[in-house]
Amino acid sequence: VALDLGRAAAPVAAALAEHGIMAGAGDFYAGRALAAQGVDPGQGVLRLSFVHYTTKDEIDRLLNVLNDVLQARFDPGRGRA
């Protein structure tokens, strides 16, 4: 799954890694395809991979941590840039 965050994806992937969640960030050799969809290839996308044995608990943890990371690092109301 590739997510357009509307901001640079690399810092988000790095923050997820700090929580033991591996994610990729970049254009994944699809810069023209991203641009055609209105995604800034320079910011890239956040890439998450799932397999048949990924559990619901793992997905819930990912969503909770991703939400926390996006709010803590990028919510101006929380005093961080």
Protein backbone atom coordinates (compact mmCIF):
# COMPACT_ATOMS: atom_id res chain seq x y z
CA VAL A 1 0.00 0.00 0.00
CA ALA A 2 1.41 3.41 -0.95
CA LEU A 3 0.13 6.43 0.96
CA ASP A 4 0.44 10.04 -0.18
CA LEU A 5 0.86 11.94 3.08
CA GLY A 6 0.98 15.35 1.43
CA ARG A 7 4.40 15.87 3.01
CA ALA A 8 7.81 14.20 2.93
CA ALA A 9 7.37 10.49 3.63
CA ALA A 10 10.96 9.75 4.75
CA PRO A 11 10.67 11.35 8.22
CA VAL A 12 7.47 9.42 8.86
CA ALA A 13 9.10 6.14 7.83
CA ALA A 14 12.04 6.93 10.15
CA ALA A 15 9.67 7.69 13.03
CA LEU A 16 7.81 4.42 12.46
CA ALA A 17 11.14 2.59 12.55
CA GLU A 18 11.79 4.08 15.99
CA HIS A 19 8.69 2.15 17.06
CA GLY A 20 9.81 -1.08 15.40
CA ILE A 21 7.55 -0.67 12.38
CA MET A 22 9.28 -0.94 9.04
CA ALA A 23 7.99 1.17 6.17
CA GLY A 24 9.52 2.48 2.99
CA ALA A 25 9.56 6.01 1.66
CA GLY A 26 10.35 7.39 -1.77
CA ASP A 27 9.12 7.32 -5.33
CA PHE A 28 9.93 3.61 -5.83
CA TYR A 29 11.00 4.26 -9.44
CA ALA A 30 7.50 5.53 -10.24
CA GLY A 31 8.11 9.28 -10.25
CA ARG A 32 6.22 9.91 -13.48
CA ALA A 33 3.27 7.78 -12.37
CA LEU A 34 3.12 9.59 -9.04
CA ALA A 35 3.29 12.99 -10.73
CA ALA A 36 0.48 11.96 -13.09
CA GLN A 37 -1.66 11.28 -10.00
CA GLY A 38 -0.83 14.64 -8.45
CA VAL A 39 1.69 13.28 -5.96
CA ASP A 40 4.95 15.20 -5.54
CA PRO A 41 7.65 12.62 -6.37
CA GLY A 42 10.13 14.67 -4.32
CA GLN A 43 8.09 14.03 -1.18
CA GLY A 44 7.47 10.43 -2.12
CA VAL A 45 4.93 8.08 -0.64
CA LEU A 46 4.90 5.95 2.50
CA ARG A 47 4.91 2.30 1.50
CA LEU A 48 3.47 -0.33 3.81
CA SER A 49 3.49 -4.05 3.06
CA PHE A 50 1.18 -6.72 4.39
CA VAL A 51 1.16 -10.49 4.01
CA HIS A 52 -1.38 -13.20 4.68
CA TYR A 53 -0.10 -13.71 8.23
CA THR A 54 -0.21 -10.02 9.22
CA THR A 55 -2.50 -9.93 12.25
CA LYS A 56 -5.27 -7.52 13.07
CA ASP A 57 -3.32 -6.53 16.19
CA GLU A 58 -0.30 -5.60 14.05
CA ILE A 59 -2.46 -3.47 11.78
CA ASP A 60 -4.11 -1.80 14.76
CA ARG A 61 -0.67 -1.05 16.23
CA LEU A 62 0.50 0.41 12.91
CA LEU A 63 -2.54 2.66 12.67
CA ASN A 64 -2.18 3.85 16.26
CA VAL A 65 1.54 4.57 15.94
CA LEU A 66 1.11 6.22 12.53
CA ASN A 67 -1.60 8.46 13.96
CA ASP A 68 0.61 9.37 16.92
CA VAL A 69 3.62 10.05 14.68
CA LEU A 70 1.67 12.27 12.31
CA GLN A 71 0.12 14.25 15.14
CA ALA A 72 3.29 14.58 17.24
CA ARG A 73 5.60 15.49 14.39
CA PHE A 74 3.36 17.47 12.10
CA ASP A 75 0.45 18.95 14.04
CA PRO A 76 1.18 22.68 14.54
CA GLY A 77 -1.23 22.66 17.46
CA ARG A 78 1.16 20.39 19.35
CA GLY A 79 4.07 22.78 18.95
CA ARG A 80 6.24 20.82 16.54
CA ALA A 81 7.05 21.33 12.89
